[in-house]
N, C-alpha and C. Protein backbone atom coordinates (compact mmCIF):
# COMPACT_ATOMS: atom_id res chain seq x y z
N MET A 1 5.65 3.50 -18.46
CA MET A 1 6.18 4.55 -17.59
C MET A 1 7.21 3.95 -16.73
N GLU A 2 8.26 4.61 -16.29
CA GLU A 2 9.37 3.79 -15.42
C GLU A 2 8.57 4.06 -14.10
N LEU A 3 9.23 3.41 -13.19
CA LEU A 3 8.70 3.08 -11.97
C LEU A 3 8.78 4.26 -11.00
N VAL A 4 10.00 4.96 -11.15
CA VAL A 4 10.47 6.15 -10.35
C VAL A 4 9.54 7.12 -10.66
N GLN A 5 8.99 7.42 -11.94
CA GLN A 5 7.90 8.26 -12.41
C GLN A 5 6.71 7.91 -11.67
N VAL A 6 6.47 6.69 -11.57
CA VAL A 6 5.04 6.26 -11.04
C VAL A 6 5.09 6.72 -9.34
N LEU A 7 6.27 6.36 -8.79
CA LEU A 7 6.52 6.51 -7.56
C LEU A 7 6.60 8.11 -7.29
N ALA A 8 6.93 8.72 -8.10
CA ALA A 8 6.93 10.41 -7.90
C ALA A 8 5.38 10.78 -7.79
N GLY A 9 4.44 10.07 -8.34
CA GLY A 9 2.96 10.75 -8.40
C GLY A 9 2.29 9.82 -7.38
N VAL A 10 2.95 9.21 -6.33
CA VAL A 10 2.43 8.64 -5.30
C VAL A 10 2.27 9.51 -3.90
N ALA A 11 1.26 9.64 -3.32
CA ALA A 11 1.20 10.85 -2.10
C ALA A 11 2.15 10.22 -1.24
N LEU A 12 2.47 8.84 -0.70
CA LEU A 12 3.23 8.43 0.21
C LEU A 12 4.55 8.84 -0.04
N CYS A 13 5.07 9.00 -1.43
CA CYS A 13 6.49 9.49 -1.67
C CYS A 13 6.50 10.79 -1.97
N SER A 14 5.75 11.71 -1.68
CA SER A 14 5.92 13.26 -1.91
C SER A 14 6.77 13.72 -1.11
N GLY A 15 7.88 14.51 -1.64
CA GLY A 15 8.93 15.23 -1.15
C GLY A 15 10.22 14.37 -1.30
N LEU A 16 9.92 12.90 -1.82
CA LEU A 16 11.44 12.45 -1.95
C LEU A 16 12.10 12.78 -3.23
N SER A 17 13.16 12.80 -3.12
CA SER A 17 14.30 13.49 -4.43
C SER A 17 14.24 12.36 -5.52
N PRO A 18 14.70 12.69 -6.59
CA PRO A 18 14.80 11.62 -7.72
C PRO A 18 15.66 10.42 -7.26
N SER A 19 16.74 10.90 -6.67
CA SER A 19 17.67 9.56 -6.18
C SER A 19 17.11 8.78 -5.19
N GLN A 20 16.23 9.56 -4.21
CA GLN A 20 15.43 8.45 -2.97
C GLN A 20 14.47 7.64 -3.74
N LEU A 21 13.56 8.39 -4.72
CA LEU A 21 12.65 7.53 -5.25
C LEU A 21 13.47 6.19 -6.24
N ALA A 22 14.58 6.49 -6.75
CA ALA A 22 15.30 5.42 -7.33
C ALA A 22 15.87 4.36 -6.35
N SER A 23 16.07 4.83 -5.01
CA SER A 23 16.52 3.92 -3.93
C SER A 23 15.55 3.02 -3.70
N LEU A 24 14.07 3.43 -3.68
CA LEU A 24 12.90 3.05 -3.34
C LEU A 24 12.52 2.01 -4.44
N ALA A 25 12.65 2.38 -5.54
CA ALA A 25 12.38 1.59 -6.70
C ALA A 25 13.37 0.43 -6.81
N ALA A 26 14.56 0.60 -6.32
CA ALA A 26 15.56 -0.52 -6.21
C ALA A 26 15.27 -1.72 -5.62
N ILE A 27 14.43 -1.32 -4.36
CA ILE A 27 14.13 -2.54 -3.39
C ILE A 27 12.63 -2.96 -3.72
N SER A 28 12.17 -2.64 -4.70
CA SER A 28 10.93 -3.08 -5.12
C SER A 28 10.99 -4.22 -6.28
N HIS A 29 9.87 -5.05 -6.34
CA HIS A 29 10.09 -6.28 -7.36
C HIS A 29 8.36 -6.29 -7.77
N ARG A 30 8.27 -6.76 -8.93
CA ARG A 30 7.06 -6.81 -9.75
C ARG A 30 6.43 -7.98 -9.54
N GLU A 31 5.00 -7.94 -9.34
CA GLU A 31 4.23 -9.29 -9.29
C GLU A 31 3.13 -8.96 -10.18
N VAL A 32 2.51 -9.92 -10.84
CA VAL A 32 1.38 -9.90 -11.71
C VAL A 32 0.15 -10.91 -11.02
N TYR A 33 -0.86 -10.30 -11.03
CA TYR A 33 -2.12 -11.36 -10.74
C TYR A 33 -3.12 -11.32 -11.48
N ASN A 34 -4.00 -12.50 -11.56
CA ASN A 34 -4.94 -12.45 -12.71
C ASN A 34 -6.31 -12.29 -11.72
N THR A 35 -7.39 -12.13 -12.58
CA THR A 35 -8.63 -11.79 -11.99
C THR A 35 -9.03 -12.97 -10.74
N ASP A 36 -9.64 -12.38 -9.60
CA ASP A 36 -9.79 -13.30 -8.29
C ASP A 36 -8.80 -13.90 -7.69
N ALA A 37 -7.49 -13.52 -8.07
CA ALA A 37 -6.43 -13.92 -7.47
C ALA A 37 -6.35 -13.28 -5.91
N VAL A 38 -6.09 -13.92 -4.90
CA VAL A 38 -5.84 -13.31 -3.53
C VAL A 38 -4.38 -12.77 -3.42
N ILE A 39 -4.35 -11.64 -3.21
CA ILE A 39 -2.77 -10.85 -2.90
C ILE A 39 -2.60 -11.39 -1.46
N PHE A 40 -3.59 -10.88 -0.70
CA PHE A 40 -3.24 -11.49 0.88
C PHE A 40 -4.75 -11.52 1.49
N ASN A 41 -4.87 -12.05 2.55
CA ASN A 41 -6.04 -12.40 3.19
C ASN A 41 -6.16 -11.59 4.68
N GLN A 42 -7.34 -11.27 5.10
CA GLN A 42 -7.34 -10.66 6.21
C GLN A 42 -6.78 -11.69 7.51
N ASN A 43 -5.92 -10.89 8.35
CA ASN A 43 -5.16 -11.64 9.36
C ASN A 43 -4.00 -12.20 8.75
N ASP A 44 -3.64 -12.24 7.66
CA ASP A 44 -2.26 -12.61 7.27
C ASP A 44 -1.22 -11.62 7.95
N PRO A 45 0.09 -12.25 7.96
CA PRO A 45 1.21 -11.22 8.47
C PRO A 45 1.51 -10.16 7.60
N GLY A 46 1.51 -8.87 8.00
CA GLY A 46 1.83 -7.80 7.02
C GLY A 46 3.16 -7.45 6.95
N ASP A 47 3.69 -7.90 5.80
CA ASP A 47 5.33 -7.73 5.81
C ASP A 47 5.72 -7.01 4.26
N LYS A 48 4.36 -6.50 3.72
CA LYS A 48 4.93 -5.81 2.67
C LYS A 48 3.91 -4.75 2.15
N MET A 49 4.22 -3.73 1.38
CA MET A 49 3.63 -2.83 0.71
C MET A 49 3.19 -2.89 -0.71
N PHE A 50 2.16 -2.42 -1.17
CA PHE A 50 2.21 -2.78 -2.78
C PHE A 50 1.59 -1.47 -3.60
N LEU A 51 1.97 -1.33 -4.66
CA LEU A 51 1.92 -0.05 -5.49
C LEU A 51 1.10 -0.50 -6.74
N ILE A 52 -0.07 -0.28 -6.94
CA ILE A 52 -0.62 -0.59 -8.07
C ILE A 52 -0.07 -0.14 -9.66
N THR A 53 0.40 -0.80 -10.68
CA THR A 53 0.84 0.08 -11.86
C THR A 53 -0.06 -0.46 -13.05
N GLY A 54 -0.83 -1.30 -12.68
CA GLY A 54 -1.79 -1.65 -13.87
C GLY A 54 -2.88 -2.50 -13.22
N GLY A 55 -4.24 -2.37 -13.69
CA GLY A 55 -5.23 -3.07 -13.32
C GLY A 55 -5.79 -2.56 -11.89
N GLN A 56 -6.65 -3.46 -11.54
CA GLN A 56 -7.45 -2.95 -10.18
C GLN A 56 -7.30 -4.13 -9.14
N VAL A 57 -7.45 -3.79 -7.96
CA VAL A 57 -7.87 -4.58 -6.78
C VAL A 57 -8.91 -4.29 -5.98
N GLU A 58 -9.33 -5.08 -5.29
CA GLU A 58 -10.71 -4.89 -4.43
C GLU A 58 -10.42 -5.33 -3.05
N ILE A 59 -10.54 -4.46 -2.00
CA ILE A 59 -10.35 -4.64 -0.41
C ILE A 59 -11.64 -5.10 -0.08
N ARG A 60 -11.64 -6.40 0.47
CA ARG A 60 -12.61 -6.75 1.06
C ARG A 60 -12.52 -7.07 2.91
N LEU A 61 -13.39 -6.79 3.39
CA LEU A 61 -13.48 -6.85 5.02
C LEU A 61 -14.60 -7.95 5.56
N ASN A 62 -13.77 -8.88 6.26
CA ASN A 62 -14.62 -9.98 6.73
C ASN A 62 -15.83 -9.14 7.51
N ASN A 63 -16.87 -9.48 7.31
CA ASN A 63 -18.08 -8.78 8.06
C ASN A 63 -18.35 -9.42 9.57
N GLY A 64 -17.58 -10.42 9.96
CA GLY A 64 -17.70 -11.16 11.29
C GLY A 64 -18.72 -12.23 11.35
N SER A 65 -19.61 -12.42 10.49
CA SER A 65 -20.29 -13.42 10.14
C SER A 65 -20.26 -14.57 9.40
N GLY A 66 -18.79 -14.33 8.86
CA GLY A 66 -18.37 -15.32 7.70
C GLY A 66 -18.35 -14.87 6.32
N GLY A 67 -19.05 -13.77 6.23
CA GLY A 67 -19.18 -13.28 4.73
C GLY A 67 -18.23 -11.97 4.66
N ASN A 68 -18.04 -11.73 3.11
CA ASN A 68 -17.13 -10.56 3.10
C ASN A 68 -17.86 -9.54 2.31
N HIS A 69 -17.42 -8.19 2.53
CA HIS A 69 -18.09 -7.31 1.55
C HIS A 69 -16.98 -6.40 1.29
N ALA A 70 -17.12 -5.73 -0.03
CA ALA A 70 -16.02 -4.87 -0.64
C ALA A 70 -16.08 -3.76 0.02
N THR A 71 -14.99 -3.04 0.40
CA THR A 71 -14.95 -1.87 0.95
C THR A 71 -14.28 -0.68 0.27
N ILE A 72 -13.54 -1.10 -0.82
CA ILE A 72 -13.05 -0.08 -1.73
C ILE A 72 -12.29 -0.77 -2.88
N TYR A 73 -12.30 -0.01 -4.00
CA TYR A 73 -11.61 -0.39 -5.22
C TYR A 73 -10.21 0.46 -5.58
N LEU A 74 -9.15 -0.13 -5.59
CA LEU A 74 -7.87 0.62 -5.89
C LEU A 74 -7.41 0.46 -7.29
N GLY A 75 -7.17 1.42 -7.88
CA GLY A 75 -6.45 1.34 -9.45
C GLY A 75 -4.95 1.75 -9.56
N GLN A 76 -4.53 2.14 -10.63
CA GLN A 76 -3.05 2.41 -11.03
C GLN A 76 -2.69 3.70 -10.05
N GLY A 77 -1.33 3.59 -9.61
CA GLY A 77 -0.98 4.61 -8.90
C GLY A 77 -1.39 4.60 -7.42
N GLN A 78 -2.14 3.73 -6.95
CA GLN A 78 -2.50 3.82 -5.60
C GLN A 78 -1.83 2.67 -4.96
N ILE A 79 -1.80 2.71 -3.46
CA ILE A 79 -0.87 1.75 -2.71
C ILE A 79 -2.00 1.13 -1.68
N PHE A 80 -1.38 0.17 -1.32
CA PHE A 80 -2.40 -0.71 -0.32
C PHE A 80 -1.33 -1.58 0.62
N GLY A 81 -1.56 -1.70 1.96
CA GLY A 81 -0.79 -2.49 2.66
C GLY A 81 0.64 -1.75 3.39
N GLU A 82 0.46 -0.35 3.24
CA GLU A 82 1.35 0.51 3.78
C GLU A 82 1.60 0.34 5.17
N MET A 83 0.41 -0.12 5.94
CA MET A 83 0.82 -0.29 7.36
C MET A 83 1.77 -1.19 7.82
N ALA A 84 1.99 -2.06 7.06
CA ALA A 84 3.05 -3.15 7.28
C ALA A 84 4.47 -2.62 7.15
N LEU A 85 4.63 -1.27 6.75
CA LEU A 85 5.96 -0.65 6.83
C LEU A 85 6.18 0.03 8.30
N LEU A 86 5.08 -0.09 8.89
CA LEU A 86 4.97 0.55 10.20
C LEU A 86 5.19 -0.31 11.28
N ASP A 87 4.23 -1.19 11.18
CA ASP A 87 4.13 -2.33 12.55
C ASP A 87 4.10 -3.80 11.93
N GLN A 88 3.99 -4.10 10.81
CA GLN A 88 4.19 -5.39 10.42
C GLN A 88 3.29 -6.45 10.94
N GLY A 89 2.03 -5.67 11.63
CA GLY A 89 0.83 -6.40 12.33
C GLY A 89 0.21 -7.34 11.04
N SER A 90 -0.97 -7.74 11.40
CA SER A 90 -1.90 -8.49 10.83
C SER A 90 -2.68 -7.77 9.89
N ARG A 91 -3.08 -8.28 8.74
CA ARG A 91 -3.78 -7.58 7.43
C ARG A 91 -5.26 -7.48 7.91
N SER A 92 -5.49 -6.22 7.80
CA SER A 92 -6.87 -5.70 8.33
C SER A 92 -7.99 -6.13 7.55
N ALA A 93 -7.63 -6.32 6.33
CA ALA A 93 -8.52 -6.79 5.05
C ALA A 93 -7.88 -7.83 4.12
N SER A 94 -8.73 -8.37 3.32
CA SER A 94 -8.29 -9.16 2.20
C SER A 94 -8.18 -8.35 1.04
N VAL A 95 -7.34 -8.77 0.08
CA VAL A 95 -7.03 -7.95 -1.18
C VAL A 95 -7.09 -9.01 -2.41
N LEU A 96 -7.94 -8.86 -3.32
CA LEU A 96 -7.92 -9.53 -4.43
C LEU A 96 -7.63 -8.51 -5.80
N ALA A 97 -7.13 -9.21 -6.68
CA ALA A 97 -7.18 -8.72 -7.97
C ALA A 97 -8.29 -8.83 -8.68
N ILE A 98 -8.71 -7.79 -9.45
CA ILE A 98 -10.11 -7.78 -10.14
C ILE A 98 -10.17 -7.69 -11.65
N GLU A 99 -8.80 -7.59 -12.14
CA GLU A 99 -8.62 -7.55 -13.62
C GLU A 99 -7.43 -8.38 -14.03
N GLU A 100 -7.47 -8.80 -15.06
CA GLU A 100 -6.54 -9.77 -15.61
C GLU A 100 -5.29 -8.88 -15.71
N GLN A 101 -3.89 -9.50 -15.40
CA GLN A 101 -2.74 -8.98 -15.44
C GLN A 101 -2.52 -7.62 -14.68
N THR A 102 -3.26 -7.84 -13.48
CA THR A 102 -3.02 -6.59 -12.63
C THR A 102 -1.54 -6.55 -11.98
N GLU A 103 -1.04 -5.47 -12.25
CA GLU A 103 0.67 -5.30 -12.06
C GLU A 103 0.84 -4.42 -10.77
N LEU A 104 1.60 -5.21 -9.72
CA LEU A 104 1.89 -4.69 -8.62
C LEU A 104 3.33 -4.52 -8.55
N TYR A 105 3.94 -3.55 -7.76
CA TYR A 105 5.24 -3.64 -7.34
C TYR A 105 5.40 -3.49 -5.82
N VAL A 106 6.15 -4.52 -5.11
CA VAL A 106 6.13 -4.97 -3.99
C VAL A 106 7.20 -4.53 -3.19
N ILE A 107 7.20 -3.65 -1.94
CA ILE A 107 8.15 -3.20 -1.11
C ILE A 107 8.08 -3.92 0.18
N ASP A 108 9.15 -4.81 0.35
CA ASP A 108 9.24 -5.83 1.45
C ASP A 108 9.58 -4.69 3.03
N ALA A 109 8.78 -4.88 3.96
CA ALA A 109 9.25 -4.33 5.17
C ALA A 109 10.59 -4.28 5.38
N ASP A 110 11.20 -5.52 5.40
CA ASP A 110 12.45 -5.50 5.99
C ASP A 110 13.57 -4.76 5.23
N ALA A 111 13.29 -4.81 3.92
CA ALA A 111 14.08 -4.13 2.87
C ALA A 111 13.83 -2.43 3.09
N PHE A 112 12.82 -2.20 3.51
CA PHE A 112 12.36 -0.65 3.79
C PHE A 112 13.02 -0.21 4.82
N VAL A 113 13.03 -1.10 5.72
CA VAL A 113 13.60 -0.62 7.11
C VAL A 113 15.07 -0.52 6.98
N ASN A 114 15.74 -1.41 6.07
CA ASN A 114 17.26 -1.42 5.70
C ASN A 114 17.41 -0.27 4.95
N LEU A 115 16.41 0.27 3.92
CA LEU A 115 16.83 1.26 3.22
C LEU A 115 16.74 2.52 4.30
N CYS A 116 15.69 2.72 5.27
CA CYS A 116 15.34 3.86 6.00
C CYS A 116 16.80 4.05 6.97
N GLN A 117 17.50 3.02 7.14
CA GLN A 117 18.57 3.16 8.03
C GLN A 117 19.79 3.76 7.28
N GLN A 118 19.96 3.34 5.95
CA GLN A 118 20.87 3.99 4.86
C GLN A 118 20.52 5.37 4.79
N ASP A 119 19.37 5.70 4.72
CA ASP A 119 19.07 7.01 4.21
C ASP A 119 17.62 7.30 5.10
N THR A 120 18.09 8.23 6.37
CA THR A 120 16.90 8.11 7.39
C THR A 120 15.94 9.32 6.80
N ALA A 121 16.40 10.13 5.79
CA ALA A 121 15.29 11.11 5.16
C ALA A 121 14.24 10.46 4.47
N ILE A 122 14.54 9.24 3.89
CA ILE A 122 13.45 8.48 3.33
C ILE A 122 12.39 8.08 4.21
N GLY A 123 12.88 7.51 5.29
CA GLY A 123 11.89 7.14 6.26
C GLY A 123 11.09 8.24 7.08
N TYR A 124 11.65 9.09 7.35
CA TYR A 124 11.09 10.41 7.87
C TYR A 124 10.09 10.72 6.86
N ILE A 125 10.49 11.35 5.71
CA ILE A 125 9.51 11.51 4.77
C ILE A 125 8.24 10.94 4.51
N MET A 126 8.36 9.52 4.40
CA MET A 126 7.48 8.67 4.12
C MET A 126 6.53 8.29 5.44
N MET A 127 7.20 8.26 6.47
CA MET A 127 6.18 8.11 7.67
C MET A 127 5.58 9.43 8.07
N ARG A 128 6.06 10.66 7.66
CA ARG A 128 5.34 11.83 7.93
C ARG A 128 4.22 11.94 6.91
N ASN A 129 4.44 11.17 5.68
CA ASN A 129 3.27 11.31 4.58
C ASN A 129 2.33 10.37 5.22
N MET A 130 2.42 9.31 5.72
CA MET A 130 1.64 8.21 6.23
C MET A 130 0.83 8.74 7.23
N ALA A 131 1.48 9.64 8.26
CA ALA A 131 1.03 10.06 9.53
C ALA A 131 -0.14 11.22 9.00
N LEU A 132 0.29 11.88 8.06
CA LEU A 132 -1.03 12.93 7.50
C LEU A 132 -1.97 12.16 6.86
N ASP A 133 -1.77 11.12 6.13
CA ASP A 133 -2.93 10.29 5.69
C ASP A 133 -3.61 9.51 6.81
N LEU A 134 -3.09 9.30 7.76
CA LEU A 134 -4.01 8.50 8.98
C LEU A 134 -4.81 9.58 9.51
N SER A 135 -3.95 10.86 9.93
CA SER A 135 -4.55 11.88 10.19
C SER A 135 -5.81 12.23 9.67
N PHE A 136 -5.85 12.33 8.28
CA PHE A 136 -6.95 12.90 7.39
C PHE A 136 -8.12 11.91 7.41
N LYS A 137 -7.71 10.55 7.57
CA LYS A 137 -8.75 9.63 7.79
C LYS A 137 -9.43 9.39 9.08
N LEU A 138 -8.78 9.67 10.09
CA LEU A 138 -9.22 10.04 11.16
C LEU A 138 -10.04 10.92 11.54
N ARG A 139 -9.80 12.12 10.96
CA ARG A 139 -10.69 13.24 11.07
C ARG A 139 -12.11 12.96 10.37
N HIS A 140 -11.79 12.45 9.23
CA HIS A 140 -13.04 12.13 8.29
C HIS A 140 -13.92 11.16 8.93
N LYS A 141 -13.21 10.37 9.54
CA LYS A 141 -14.08 9.26 10.39
C LYS A 141 -14.67 9.83 11.42
N ASN A 142 -14.05 10.69 12.11
CA ASN A 142 -14.81 11.38 13.31
C ASN A 142 -16.07 12.27 12.75
N LEU A 143 -15.85 12.76 11.77
CA LEU A 143 -16.99 13.63 11.17
C LEU A 143 -18.18 12.94 10.66
N ASP A 144 -17.90 11.81 10.21
CA ASP A 144 -18.68 10.80 9.57
C ASP A 144 -18.58 9.32 9.98
N PRO A 145 -19.07 9.06 11.30
CA PRO A 145 -19.00 7.63 12.03
C PRO A 145 -19.14 6.60 11.09
N SER A 146 -19.91 6.86 10.27
CA SER A 146 -20.60 5.68 9.37
C SER A 146 -19.53 5.29 8.44
N ALA A 147 -18.41 6.20 8.09
CA ALA A 147 -17.53 6.07 7.05
C ALA A 147 -16.49 5.16 7.60
N SER A 148 -16.03 4.27 6.49
CA SER A 148 -14.94 3.19 7.02
C SER A 148 -13.52 3.95 6.70
N LEU A 149 -12.60 3.40 7.41
CA LEU A 149 -11.33 3.83 7.26
C LEU A 149 -10.49 3.10 6.13
């Protein structure tokens, strides 16, 4: 499946036109990871967003006493690291590939900012979608304090 079609099915890209999706695809590059490969570690600088186009990843959170526990598994069509597009802050968790040939498309935060300067509608639409997602997660967290974001 073509990357533009994959992006069209991603909630973060909802509302983008085909040409805007093509612009986003143009600033993406492909990376492939094998089982147990670390994509990034908790507290690493956040400078990229990732879209899974094949395989699965595991998001692990340091529990504060030196151990890690799995918080969530993500697969094809899902994204992670999107907060890097907002604040380029430190990573809040570690991410590992858990299948051979886990395929990701990567969007660099600086390239994304440049794209948004060229087409402000892309930035508006994606940031609005991100805000809606964060709002949903916060509401869910407030309803169930034991739920993880």
